[in-house]
Amino acid sequence: MQIMLATAIVLIGFYGMCTSKNIIKSIVCLNISEAAIILIFLRSVYFEGAALPIIGLRHAGEMVDPLPQALMITAIVIGASVTSLALMISIRLFRAYGSLDWRMLLERKDK
């Protein structure tokens, strides 16, 4: 159920990115999709009753694999970096053209 809900959130985020006219709204939709993808990944590797991966507590079959959590922390950091870069570029575009509308910026680029 949680994976289906997160998949729906990913699709909503992708829809928002495709239909939004504003660059900031597209960046927010990108962040929504990213968070939902991370949720899907972490939920798919979770299982009940698993112990922390500390040597000596239980045998390896009952321990949680720490690699997916480490990868998702890395994905969160990369996502924050991409978001900050996208916001910086959108600020530069607003200062240069006075608008954050995708269509208007594409029309000015073609001229």
PDB file of N, CA and C in Angstrom:
ATOM      1  N   MET A   1       0.822  -1.195   0.000  1.00  0.00           N
ATOM      2  CA  MET A   1       0.000   0.000   0.000  1.00  0.00           C
ATOM      3  C   MET A   1       0.867   1.261   0.000  1.00  0.00           C
ATOM      4  N   GLN A   2       1.922   1.255   0.818  1.00  0.00           N
ATOM      5  CA  GLN A   2       2.785   2.430   0.897  1.00  0.00           C
ATOM      6  C   GLN A   2       3.547   2.644  -0.400  1.00  0.00           C
ATOM      7  N   ILE A   3       3.951   1.558  -1.032  1.00  0.00           N
ATOM      8  CA  ILE A   3       4.679   1.681  -2.299  1.00  0.00           C
ATOM      9  C   ILE A   3       3.747   2.211  -3.388  1.00  0.00           C
ATOM     10  N   MET A   4       2.488   1.789  -3.387  1.00  0.00           N
ATOM     11  CA  MET A   4       1.533   2.301  -4.374  1.00  0.00           C
ATOM     12  C   MET A   4       1.274   3.788  -4.164  1.00  0.00           C
ATOM     13  N   LEU A   5       1.159   4.205  -2.902  1.00  0.00           N
ATOM     14  CA  LEU A   5       0.954   5.622  -2.604  1.00  0.00           C
ATOM     15  C   LEU A   5       2.167   6.448  -3.032  1.00  0.00           C
ATOM     16  N   ALA A   6       3.359   5.950  -2.745  1.00  0.00           N
ATOM     17  CA  ALA A   6       4.569   6.664  -3.151  1.00  0.00           C
ATOM     18  C   ALA A   6       4.694   6.717  -4.671  1.00  0.00           C
ATOM     19  N   THR A   7       4.283   5.657  -5.357  1.00  0.00           N
ATOM     20  CA  THR A   7       4.296   5.665  -6.821  1.00  0.00           C
ATOM     21  C   THR A   7       3.330   6.712  -7.363  1.00  0.00           C
ATOM     22  N   ALA A   8       2.171   6.834  -6.732  1.00  0.00           N
ATOM     23  CA  ALA A   8       1.219   7.870  -7.140  1.00  0.00           C
ATOM     24  C   ALA A   8       1.811   9.262  -6.926  1.00  0.00           C
ATOM     25  N   ILE A   9       2.544   9.449  -5.834  1.00  0.00           N
ATOM     26  CA  ILE A   9       3.178  10.745  -5.574  1.00  0.00           C
ATOM     27  C   ILE A   9       4.252  11.038  -6.617  1.00  0.00           C
ATOM     28  N   VAL A  10       5.007  10.008  -7.020  1.00  0.00           N
ATOM     29  CA  VAL A  10       6.005  10.192  -8.087  1.00  0.00           C
ATOM     30  C   VAL A  10       5.319  10.646  -9.368  1.00  0.00           C
ATOM     31  N   LEU A  11       4.217  10.002  -9.720  1.00  0.00           N
ATOM     32  CA  LEU A  11       3.501  10.364 -10.945  1.00  0.00           C
ATOM     33  C   LEU A  11       2.918  11.769 -10.862  1.00  0.00           C
ATOM     34  N   ILE A  12       2.427  12.152  -9.686  1.00  0.00           N
ATOM     35  CA  ILE A  12       1.926  13.515  -9.505  1.00  0.00           C
ATOM     36  C   ILE A  12       3.059  14.524  -9.680  1.00  0.00           C
ATOM     37  N   GLY A  13       4.223  14.206  -9.130  1.00  0.00           N
ATOM     38  CA  GLY A  13       5.376  15.088  -9.297  1.00  0.00           C
ATOM     39  C   GLY A  13       5.801  15.212 -10.748  1.00  0.00           C
ATOM     40  N   PHE A  14       5.824  14.083 -11.476  1.00  0.00           N
ATOM     41  CA  PHE A  14       6.179  14.127 -12.899  1.00  0.00           C
ATOM     42  C   PHE A  14       5.146  14.920 -13.700  1.00  0.00           C
ATOM     43  N   TYR A  15       3.874  14.738 -13.364  1.00  0.00           N
ATOM     44  CA  TYR A  15       2.823  15.503 -14.039  1.00  0.00           C
ATOM     45  C   TYR A  15       3.007  16.998 -13.785  1.00  0.00           C
ATOM     46  N   GLY A  16       3.319  17.348 -12.544  1.00  0.00           N
ATOM     47  CA  GLY A  16       3.548  18.754 -12.219  1.00  0.00           C
ATOM     48  C   GLY A  16       4.741  19.331 -12.956  1.00  0.00           C
ATOM     49  N   MET A  17       5.806  18.538 -13.104  1.00  0.00           N
ATOM     50  CA  MET A  17       6.972  19.019 -13.848  1.00  0.00           C
ATOM     51  C   MET A  17       6.628  19.254 -15.312  1.00  0.00           C
ATOM     52  N   CYS A  18       5.813  18.378 -15.880  1.00  0.00           N
ATOM     53  CA  CYS A  18       5.493  18.489 -17.309  1.00  0.00           C
ATOM     54  C   CYS A  18       4.492  19.600 -17.604  1.00  0.00           C
ATOM     55  N   THR A  19       3.601  19.898 -16.686  1.00  0.00           N
ATOM     56  CA  THR A  19       2.532  20.854 -16.966  1.00  0.00           C
ATOM     57  C   THR A  19       2.757  22.229 -16.361  1.00  0.00           C
ATOM     58  N   SER A  20       3.729  22.384 -15.500  1.00  0.00           N
ATOM     59  CA  SER A  20       3.946  23.664 -14.836  1.00  0.00           C
ATOM     60  C   SER A  20       4.573  24.671 -15.786  1.00  0.00           C
ATOM     61  N   LYS A  21       4.098  25.910 -15.711  1.00  0.00           N
ATOM     62  CA  LYS A  21       4.669  26.986 -16.515  1.00  0.00           C
ATOM     63  C   LYS A  21       5.807  27.687 -15.775  1.00  0.00           C
ATOM     64  N   ASN A  22       5.812  27.575 -14.466  1.00  0.00           N
ATOM     65  CA  ASN A  22       6.781  28.285 -13.639  1.00  0.00           C
ATOM     66  C   ASN A  22       7.963  27.374 -13.314  1.00  0.00           C
ATOM     67  N   ILE A  23       9.158  27.919 -13.384  1.00  0.00           N
ATOM     68  CA  ILE A  23      10.365  27.135 -13.118  1.00  0.00           C
ATOM     69  C   ILE A  23      10.414  26.682 -11.656  1.00  0.00           C
ATOM     70  N   ILE A  24      10.041  27.551 -10.732  1.00  0.00           N
ATOM     71  CA  ILE A  24      10.084  27.207  -9.298  1.00  0.00           C
ATOM     72  C   ILE A  24       9.124  26.056  -9.005  1.00  0.00           C
ATOM     73  N   LYS A  25       7.942  26.090  -9.596  1.00  0.00           N
ATOM     74  CA  LYS A  25       6.986  24.995  -9.398  1.00  0.00           C
ATOM     75  C   LYS A  25       7.535  23.686  -9.954  1.00  0.00           C
ATOM     76  N   SER A  26       8.239  23.755 -11.061  1.00  0.00           N
ATOM     77  CA  SER A  26       8.854  22.551 -11.629  1.00  0.00           C
ATOM     78  C   SER A  26       9.923  21.991 -10.702  1.00  0.00           C
ATOM     79  N   ILE A  27      10.688  22.865 -10.064  1.00  0.00           N
ATOM     80  CA  ILE A  27      11.718  22.423  -9.120  1.00  0.00           C
ATOM     81  C   ILE A  27      11.072  21.765  -7.901  1.00  0.00           C
ATOM     82  N   VAL A  28       9.979  22.342  -7.413  1.00  0.00           N
ATOM     83  CA  VAL A  28       9.268  21.752  -6.272  1.00  0.00           C
ATOM     84  C   VAL A  28       8.716  20.374  -6.648  1.00  0.00           C
ATOM     85  N   CYS A  29       8.159  20.246  -7.837  1.00  0.00           N
ATOM     86  CA  CYS A  29       7.649  18.943  -8.293  1.00  0.00           C
ATOM     87  C   CYS A  29       8.774  17.927  -8.440  1.00  0.00           C
ATOM     88  N   LEU A  30       9.934  18.377  -8.877  1.00  0.00           N
ATOM     89  CA  LEU A  30      11.101  17.494  -8.949  1.00  0.00           C
ATOM     90  C   LEU A  30      11.471  16.982  -7.560  1.00  0.00           C
ATOM     91  N   ASN A  31      11.441  17.856  -6.556  1.00  0.00           N
ATOM     92  CA  ASN A  31      11.753  17.439  -5.185  1.00  0.00           C
ATOM     93  C   ASN A  31      10.713  16.471  -4.634  1.00  0.00           C
ATOM     94  N   ILE A  32       9.454  16.684  -4.975  1.00  0.00           N
ATOM     95  CA  ILE A  32       8.403  15.766  -4.538  1.00  0.00           C
ATOM     96  C   ILE A  32       8.633  14.380  -5.133  1.00  0.00           C
ATOM     97  N   SER A  33       8.939  14.325  -6.413  1.00  0.00           N
ATOM     98  CA  SER A  33       9.206  13.037  -7.062  1.00  0.00           C
ATOM     99  C   SER A  33      10.427  12.360  -6.465  1.00  0.00           C
ATOM    100  N   GLU A  34      11.461  13.139  -6.199  1.00  0.00           N
ATOM    101  CA  GLU A  34      12.682  12.570  -5.622  1.00  0.00           C
ATOM    102  C   GLU A  34      12.421  11.960  -4.244  1.00  0.00           C
ATOM    103  N   ALA A  35      11.681  12.675  -3.406  1.00  0.00           N
ATOM    104  CA  ALA A  35      11.380  12.161  -2.069  1.00  0.00           C
ATOM    105  C   ALA A  35      10.546  10.883  -2.144  1.00  0.00           C
ATOM    106  N   ALA A  36       9.606  10.832  -3.065  1.00  0.00           N
ATOM    107  CA  ALA A  36       8.783   9.632  -3.206  1.00  0.00           C
ATOM    108  C   ALA A  36       9.591   8.451  -3.731  1.00  0.00           C
ATOM    109  N   ILE A  37      10.535   8.700  -4.624  1.00  0.00           N
ATOM    110  CA  ILE A  37      11.391   7.619  -5.125  1.00  0.00           C
ATOM    111  C   ILE A  37      12.262   7.067  -4.002  1.00  0.00           C
ATOM    112  N   ILE A  38      12.779   7.940  -3.157  1.00  0.00           N
ATOM    113  CA  ILE A  38      13.572   7.490  -2.012  1.00  0.00           C
ATOM    114  C   ILE A  38      12.701   6.664  -1.066  1.00  0.00           C
ATOM    115  N   LEU A  39      11.462   7.095  -0.849  1.00  0.00           N
ATOM    116  CA  LEU A  39      10.535   6.340  -0.007  1.00  0.00           C
ATOM    117  C   LEU A  39      10.257   4.958  -0.591  1.00  0.00           C
ATOM    118  N   ILE A  40      10.058   4.880  -1.905  1.00  0.00           N
ATOM    119  CA  ILE A  40       9.827   3.579  -2.549  1.00  0.00           C
ATOM    120  C   ILE A  40      11.025   2.665  -2.340  1.00  0.00           C
ATOM    121  N   PHE A  41      12.203   3.190  -2.555  1.00  0.00           N
ATOM    122  CA  PHE A  41      13.409   2.370  -2.427  1.00  0.00           C
ATOM    123  C   PHE A  41      13.587   1.878  -0.993  1.00  0.00           C
ATOM    124  N   LEU A  42      13.453   2.763  -0.010  1.00  0.00           N
ATOM    125  CA  LEU A  42      13.643   2.349   1.382  1.00  0.00           C
ATOM    126  C   LEU A  42      12.547   1.393   1.843  1.00  0.00           C
ATOM    127  N   ARG A  43      11.331   1.602   1.384  1.00  0.00           N
ATOM    128  CA  ARG A  43      10.244   0.710   1.785  1.00  0.00           C
ATOM    129  C   ARG A  43      10.405  -0.675   1.155  1.00  0.00           C
ATOM    130  N   SER A  44      10.989  -0.745  -0.024  1.00  0.00           N
ATOM    131  CA  SER A  44      11.135  -2.043  -0.677  1.00  0.00           C
ATOM    132  C   SER A  44      12.217  -2.911  -0.034  1.00  0.00           C
ATOM    133  N   VAL A  45      13.176  -2.324   0.666  1.00  0.00           N
ATOM    134  CA  VAL A  45      14.227  -3.117   1.313  1.00  0.00           C
ATOM    135  C   VAL A  45      13.957  -3.334   2.805  1.00  0.00           C
ATOM    136  N   TYR A  46      12.849  -2.796   3.324  1.00  0.00           N
ATOM    137  CA  TYR A  46      12.517  -2.932   4.738  1.00  0.00           C
ATOM    138  C   TYR A  46      11.825  -4.268   4.993  1.00  0.00           C
ATOM    139  N   PHE A  47      12.142  -4.887   6.135  1.00  0.00           N
ATOM    140  CA  PHE A  47      11.385  -6.058   6.559  1.00  0.00           C
ATOM    141  C   PHE A  47      11.281  -6.064   8.082  1.00  0.00           C
ATOM    142  N   GLU A  48      10.174  -6.609   8.580  1.00  0.00           N
ATOM    143  CA  GLU A  48       9.868  -6.616  10.016  1.00  0.00           C
ATOM    144  C   GLU A  48      10.836  -7.479  10.798  1.00  0.00           C
ATOM    145  N   GLY A  49      11.158  -7.051  11.984  1.00  0.00           N
ATOM    146  CA  GLY A  49      11.934  -7.850  12.914  1.00  0.00           C
ATOM    147  C   GLY A  49      13.422  -7.885  12.663  1.00  0.00           C
ATOM    148  N   ALA A  50      13.925  -7.076  11.785  1.00  0.00           N
ATOM    149  CA  ALA A  50      15.360  -7.079  11.495  1.00  0.00           C
ATOM    150  C   ALA A  50      16.110  -6.271  12.551  1.00  0.00           C
ATOM    151  N   ALA A  51      17.324  -6.715  12.846  1.00  0.00           N
ATOM    152  CA  ALA A  51      18.149  -6.044  13.850  1.00  0.00           C
ATOM    153  C   ALA A  51      19.128  -5.095  13.176  1.00  0.00           C
ATOM    154  N   LEU A  52      19.706  -4.232  13.985  1.00  0.00           N
ATOM    155  CA  LEU A  52      20.752  -3.348  13.484  1.00  0.00           C
ATOM    156  C   LEU A  52      21.974  -4.168  13.110  1.00  0.00           C
ATOM    157  N   PRO A  53      22.707  -3.750  12.094  1.00  0.00           N
ATOM    158  CA  PRO A  53      23.862  -4.543  11.651  1.00  0.00           C
ATOM    159  C   PRO A  53      25.092  -4.332  12.532  1.00  0.00           C
ATOM    160  N   ILE A  54      25.009  -4.818  13.757  1.00  0.00           N
ATOM    161  CA  ILE A  54      26.127  -4.739  14.694  1.00  0.00           C
ATOM    162  C   ILE A  54      26.640  -6.150  14.920  1.00  0.00           C
ATOM    163  N   ILE A  55      27.935  -6.333  14.803  1.00  0.00           N
ATOM    164  CA  ILE A  55      28.533  -7.663  14.936  1.00  0.00           C
ATOM    165  C   ILE A  55      28.277  -8.203  16.336  1.00  0.00           C
ATOM    166  N   GLY A  56      27.814  -9.437  16.405  1.00  0.00           N
ATOM    167  CA  GLY A  56      27.613 -10.098  17.677  1.00  0.00           C
ATOM    168  C   GLY A  56      26.186 -10.098  18.173  1.00  0.00           C
ATOM    169  N   LEU A  57      25.281  -9.326  17.575  1.00  0.00           N
ATOM    170  CA  LEU A  57      23.908  -9.301  18.057  1.00  0.00           C
ATOM    171  C   LEU A  57      23.113 -10.510  17.576  1.00  0.00           C
ATOM    172  N   ARG A  58      23.033 -10.717  16.294  1.00  0.00           N
ATOM    173  CA  ARG A  58      22.298 -11.834  15.703  1.00  0.00           C
ATOM    174  C   ARG A  58      23.059 -12.313  14.486  1.00  0.00           C
ATOM    175  N   HIS A  59      22.600 -13.393  13.902  1.00  0.00           N
ATOM    176  CA  HIS A  59      23.276 -13.852  12.688  1.00  0.00           C
ATOM    177  C   HIS A  59      22.839 -12.998  11.493  1.00  0.00           C
ATOM    178  N   ALA A  60      23.602 -13.088  10.414  1.00  0.00           N
ATOM    179  CA  ALA A  60      23.473 -12.158   9.286  1.00  0.00           C
ATOM    180  C   ALA A  60      22.112 -12.193   8.602  1.00  0.00           C
ATOM    181  N   GLY A  61      21.382 -13.263   8.686  1.00  0.00           N
ATOM    182  CA  GLY A  61      20.090 -13.353   8.015  1.00  0.00           C
ATOM    183  C   GLY A  61      19.031 -12.449   8.605  1.00  0.00           C
ATOM    184  N   GLU A  62      19.180 -12.060   9.862  1.00  0.00           N
ATOM    185  CA  GLU A  62      18.171 -11.246  10.527  1.00  0.00           C
ATOM    186  C   GLU A  62      18.569  -9.781  10.635  1.00  0.00           C
ATOM    187  N   MET A  63      19.655  -9.386  10.003  1.00  0.00           N
ATOM    188  CA  MET A  63      20.113  -8.001  10.092  1.00  0.00           C
ATOM    189  C   MET A  63      19.657  -7.191   8.882  1.00  0.00           C
ATOM    190  N   VAL A  64      19.472  -5.917   9.121  1.00  0.00           N
ATOM    191  CA  VAL A  64      19.124  -4.990   8.052  1.00  0.00           C
ATOM    192  C   VAL A  64      20.389  -4.660   7.269  1.00  0.00           C
ATOM    193  N   ASP A  65      20.271  -4.614   5.958  1.00  0.00           N
ATOM    194  CA  ASP A  65      21.400  -4.241   5.115  1.00  0.00           C
ATOM    195  C   ASP A  65      21.585  -2.719   5.187  1.00  0.00           C
ATOM    196  N   PRO A  66      22.743  -2.216   5.622  1.00  0.00           N
ATOM    197  CA  PRO A  66      22.932  -0.770   5.757  1.00  0.00           C
ATOM    198  C   PRO A  66      23.213  -0.057   4.436  1.00  0.00           C
ATOM    199  N   LEU A  67      23.504  -0.793   3.376  1.00  0.00           N
ATOM    200  CA  LEU A  67      23.850  -0.164   2.103  1.00  0.00           C
ATOM    201  C   LEU A  67      22.713   0.669   1.505  1.00  0.00           C
ATOM    202  N   PRO A  68      21.460   0.192   1.480  1.00  0.00           N
ATOM    203  CA  PRO A  68      20.393   1.038   0.913  1.00  0.00           C
ATOM    204  C   PRO A  68      20.212   2.362   1.661  1.00  0.00           C
ATOM    205  N   GLN A  69      20.329   2.338   2.989  1.00  0.00           N
ATOM    206  CA  GLN A  69      20.208   3.582   3.740  1.00  0.00           C
ATOM    207  C   GLN A  69      21.337   4.540   3.397  1.00  0.00           C
ATOM    208  N   ALA A  70      22.544   4.014   3.257  1.00  0.00           N
ATOM    209  CA  ALA A  70      23.681   4.865   2.895  1.00  0.00           C
ATOM    210  C   ALA A  70      23.501   5.447   1.496  1.00  0.00           C
ATOM    211  N   LEU A  71      22.996   4.642   0.570  1.00  0.00           N
ATOM    212  CA  LEU A  71      22.751   5.144  -0.783  1.00  0.00           C
ATOM    213  C   LEU A  71      21.667   6.215  -0.801  1.00  0.00           C
ATOM    214  N   MET A  72      20.641   6.051   0.014  1.00  0.00           N
ATOM    215  CA  MET A  72      19.570   7.042   0.032  1.00  0.00           C
ATOM    216  C   MET A  72      20.018   8.336   0.703  1.00  0.00           C
ATOM    217  N   ILE A  73      20.889   8.250   1.698  1.00  0.00           N
ATOM    218  CA  ILE A  73      21.456   9.475   2.273  1.00  0.00           C
ATOM    219  C   ILE A  73      22.257  10.212   1.211  1.00  0.00           C
ATOM    220  N   THR A  74      23.014   9.465   0.416  1.00  0.00           N
ATOM    221  CA  THR A  74      23.762  10.069  -0.683  1.00  0.00           C
ATOM    222  C   THR A  74      22.808  10.689  -1.699  1.00  0.00           C
ATOM    223  N   ALA A  75      21.705  10.015  -2.002  1.00  0.00           N
ATOM    224  CA  ALA A  75      20.720  10.553  -2.944  1.00  0.00           C
ATOM    225  C   ALA A  75      20.089  11.837  -2.414  1.00  0.00           C
ATOM    226  N   ILE A  76      19.855  11.907  -1.111  1.00  0.00           N
ATOM    227  CA  ILE A  76      19.294  13.120  -0.513  1.00  0.00           C
ATOM    228  C   ILE A  76      20.267  14.282  -0.652  1.00  0.00           C
ATOM    229  N   VAL A  77      21.547  14.025  -0.400  1.00  0.00           N
ATOM    230  CA  VAL A  77      22.559  15.080  -0.518  1.00  0.00           C
ATOM    231  C   VAL A  77      22.682  15.544  -1.967  1.00  0.00           C
ATOM    232  N   ILE A  78      22.697  14.607  -2.904  1.00  0.00           N
ATOM    233  CA  ILE A  78      22.776  14.973  -4.321  1.00  0.00           C
ATOM    234  C   ILE A  78      21.521  15.743  -4.738  1.00  0.00           C
ATOM    235  N   GLY A  79      20.366  15.329  -4.253  1.00  0.00           N
ATOM    236  CA  GLY A  79      19.126  16.042  -4.560  1.00  0.00           C
ATOM    237  C   GLY A  79      19.130  17.462  -4.030  1.00  0.00           C
ATOM    238  N   ALA A  80      19.666  17.654  -2.830  1.00  0.00           N
ATOM    239  CA  ALA A  80      19.770  19.010  -2.282  1.00  0.00           C
ATOM    240  C   ALA A  80      20.711  19.860  -3.125  1.00  0.00           C
ATOM    241  N   SER A  81      21.785  19.264  -3.600  1.00  0.00           N
ATOM    242  CA  SER A  81      22.727  19.997  -4.453  1.00  0.00           C
ATOM    243  C   SER A  81      22.091  20.371  -5.786  1.00  0.00           C
ATOM    244  N   VAL A  82      21.367  19.443  -6.385  1.00  0.00           N
ATOM    245  CA  VAL A  82      20.694  19.724  -7.657  1.00  0.00           C
ATOM    246  C   VAL A  82      19.636  20.810  -7.470  1.00  0.00           C
ATOM    247  N   THR A  83      18.910  20.748  -6.360  1.00  0.00           N
ATOM    248  CA  THR A  83      17.896  21.760  -6.081  1.00  0.00           C
ATOM    249  C   THR A  83      18.520  23.137  -5.918  1.00  0.00           C
ATOM    250  N   SER A  84      19.609  23.216  -5.171  1.00  0.00           N
ATOM    251  CA  SER A  84      20.249  24.521  -4.983  1.00  0.00           C
ATOM    252  C   SER A  84      20.798  25.057  -6.300  1.00  0.00           C
ATOM    253  N   LEU A  85      21.353  24.196  -7.135  1.00  0.00           N
ATOM    254  CA  LEU A  85      21.842  24.626  -8.444  1.00  0.00           C
ATOM    255  C   LEU A  85      20.684  25.100  -9.326  1.00  0.00           C
ATOM    256  N   ALA A  86      19.571  24.366  -9.324  1.00  0.00           N
ATOM    257  CA  ALA A  86      18.414  24.760 -10.128  1.00  0.00           C
ATOM    258  C   ALA A  86      17.831  26.087  -9.647  1.00  0.00           C
ATOM    259  N   LEU A  87      17.782  26.289  -8.338  1.00  0.00           N
ATOM    260  CA  LEU A  87      17.285  27.560  -7.815  1.00  0.00           C
ATOM    261  C   LEU A  87      18.218  28.710  -8.169  1.00  0.00           C
ATOM    262  N   MET A  88      19.518  28.467  -8.127  1.00  0.00           N
ATOM    263  CA  MET A  88      20.476  29.503  -8.498  1.00  0.00           C
ATOM    264  C   MET A  88      20.326  29.870  -9.973  1.00  0.00           C
ATOM    265  N   ILE A  89      20.157  28.878 -10.828  1.00  0.00           N
ATOM    266  CA  ILE A  89      19.965  29.152 -12.251  1.00  0.00           C
ATOM    267  C   ILE A  89      18.652  29.897 -12.482  1.00  0.00           C
ATOM    268  N   SER A  90      17.602  29.537 -11.746  1.00  0.00           N
ATOM    269  CA  SER A  90      16.327  30.236 -11.915  1.00  0.00           C
ATOM    270  C   SER A  90      16.423  31.687 -11.446  1.00  0.00           C
ATOM    271  N   ILE A  91      17.198  31.955 -10.409  1.00  0.00           N
ATOM    272  CA  ILE A  91      17.415  33.342  -9.978  1.00  0.00           C
ATOM    273  C   ILE A  91      18.132  34.124 -11.069  1.00  0.00           C
ATOM    274  N   ARG A  92      19.146  33.512 -11.673  1.00  0.00           N
ATOM    275  CA  ARG A  92      19.873  34.178 -12.760  1.00  0.00           C
ATOM    276  C   ARG A  92      18.956  34.436 -13.955  1.00  0.00           C
ATOM    277  N   LEU A  93      18.089  33.471 -14.278  1.00  0.00           N
ATOM    278  CA  LEU A  93      17.142  33.666 -15.377  1.00  0.00           C
ATOM    279  C   LEU A  93      16.165  34.793 -15.074  1.00  0.00           C
ATOM    280  N   PHE A  94      15.690  34.856 -13.830  1.00  0.00           N
ATOM    281  CA  PHE A  94      14.756  35.920 -13.462  1.00  0.00           C
ATOM    282  C   PHE A  94      15.424  37.287 -13.552  1.00  0.00           C
ATOM    283  N   ARG A  95      16.669  37.385 -13.110  1.00  0.00           N
ATOM    284  CA  ARG A  95      17.381  38.664 -13.203  1.00  0.00           C
ATOM    285  C   ARG A  95      17.633  39.059 -14.655  1.00  0.00           C
ATOM    286  N   ALA A  96      17.887  38.083 -15.505  1.00  0.00           N
ATOM    287  CA  ALA A  96      18.194  38.387 -16.904  1.00  0.00           C
ATOM    288  C   ALA A  96      16.940  38.688 -17.728  1.00  0.00           C
ATOM    289  N   TYR A  97      15.849  37.944 -17.496  1.00  0.00           N
ATOM    290  CA  TYR A  97      14.672  38.065 -18.350  1.00  0.00           C
ATOM    291  C   TYR A  97      13.446  38.620 -17.641  1.00  0.00           C
ATOM    292  N   GLY A  98      13.457  38.697 -16.325  1.00  0.00           N
ATOM    293  CA  GLY A  98      12.324  39.254 -15.598  1.00  0.00           C
ATOM    294  C   GLY A  98      11.124  38.335 -15.484  1.00  0.00           C
ATOM    295  N   SER A  99      11.302  37.061 -15.764  1.00  0.00           N
ATOM    296  CA  SER A  99      10.194  36.117 -15.694  1.00  0.00           C
ATOM    297  C   SER A  99      10.726  34.723 -15.397  1.00  0.00           C
ATOM    298  N   LEU A 100       9.847  33.893 -14.836  1.00  0.00           N
ATOM    299  CA  LEU A 100      10.184  32.494 -14.590  1.00  0.00           C
ATOM    300  C   LEU A 100       9.272  31.560 -15.385  1.00  0.00           C
ATOM    301  N   ASP A 101       8.612  32.093 -16.402  1.00  0.00           N
ATOM    302  CA  ASP A 101       7.721  31.306 -17.246  1.00  0.00           C
ATOM    303  C   ASP A 101       8.540  30.576 -18.307  1.00  0.00           C
ATOM    304  N   TRP A 102       8.404  29.235 -18.334  1.00  0.00           N
ATOM    305  CA  TRP A 102       9.149  28.426 -19.302  1.00  0.00           C
ATOM    306  C   TRP A 102       8.876  28.862 -20.736  1.00  0.00           C
ATOM    307  N   ARG A 103       7.597  29.039 -21.046  1.00  0.00           N
ATOM    308  CA  ARG A 103       7.219  29.333 -22.436  1.00  0.00           C
ATOM    309  C   ARG A 103       7.780  30.673 -22.901  1.00  0.00           C
ATOM    310  N   MET A 104       7.712  31.675 -22.040  1.00  0.00           N
ATOM    311  CA  MET A 104       8.236  32.984 -22.402  1.00  0.00           C
ATOM    312  C   MET A 104       9.748  32.918 -22.609  1.00  0.00           C
ATOM    313  N   LEU A 105      10.435  32.174 -21.754  1.00  0.00           N
ATOM    314  CA  LEU A 105      11.889  32.047 -21.899  1.00  0.00           C
ATOM    315  C   LEU A 105      12.258  31.304 -23.182  1.00  0.00           C
ATOM    316  N   LEU A 106      11.487  30.286 -23.541  1.00  0.00           N
ATOM    317  CA  LEU A 106      11.755  29.564 -24.788  1.00  0.00           C
ATOM    318  C   LEU A 106      11.474  30.432 -26.013  1.00  0.00           C
ATOM    319  N   GLU A 107      10.431  31.272 -25.936  1.00  0.00           N
ATOM    320  CA  GLU A 107      10.152  32.185 -27.043  1.00  0.00           C
ATOM    321  C   GLU A 107      11.282  33.196 -27.214  1.00  0.00           C
ATOM    322  N   ARG A 108      11.795  33.722 -26.118  1.00  0.00           N
ATOM    323  CA  ARG A 108      12.904  34.678 -26.198  1.00  0.00           C
ATOM    324  C   ARG A 108      14.173  34.016 -26.712  1.00  0.00           C
ATOM    325  N   LYS A 109      14.351  32.763 -26.391  1.00  0.00           N
ATOM    326  CA  LYS A 109      15.536  32.043 -26.859  1.00  0.00           C
ATOM    327  C   LYS A 109      15.485  31.851 -28.372  1.00  0.00           C
ATOM    328  N   ASP A 110      14.296  31.584 -28.905  1.00  0.00           N
ATOM    329  CA  ASP A 110      14.145  31.347 -30.340  1.00  0.00           C
ATOM    330  C   ASP A 110      14.321  32.615 -31.165  1.00  0.00           C
ATOM    331  N   LYS A 111      14.084  33.779 -30.566  1.00  0.00           N
ATOM    332  CA  LYS A 111      14.184  35.042 -31.318  1.00  0.00           C
ATOM    333  C   LYS A 111      15.595  35.508 -31.475  1.00  0.00           C
TER     334      LYS A 111
END
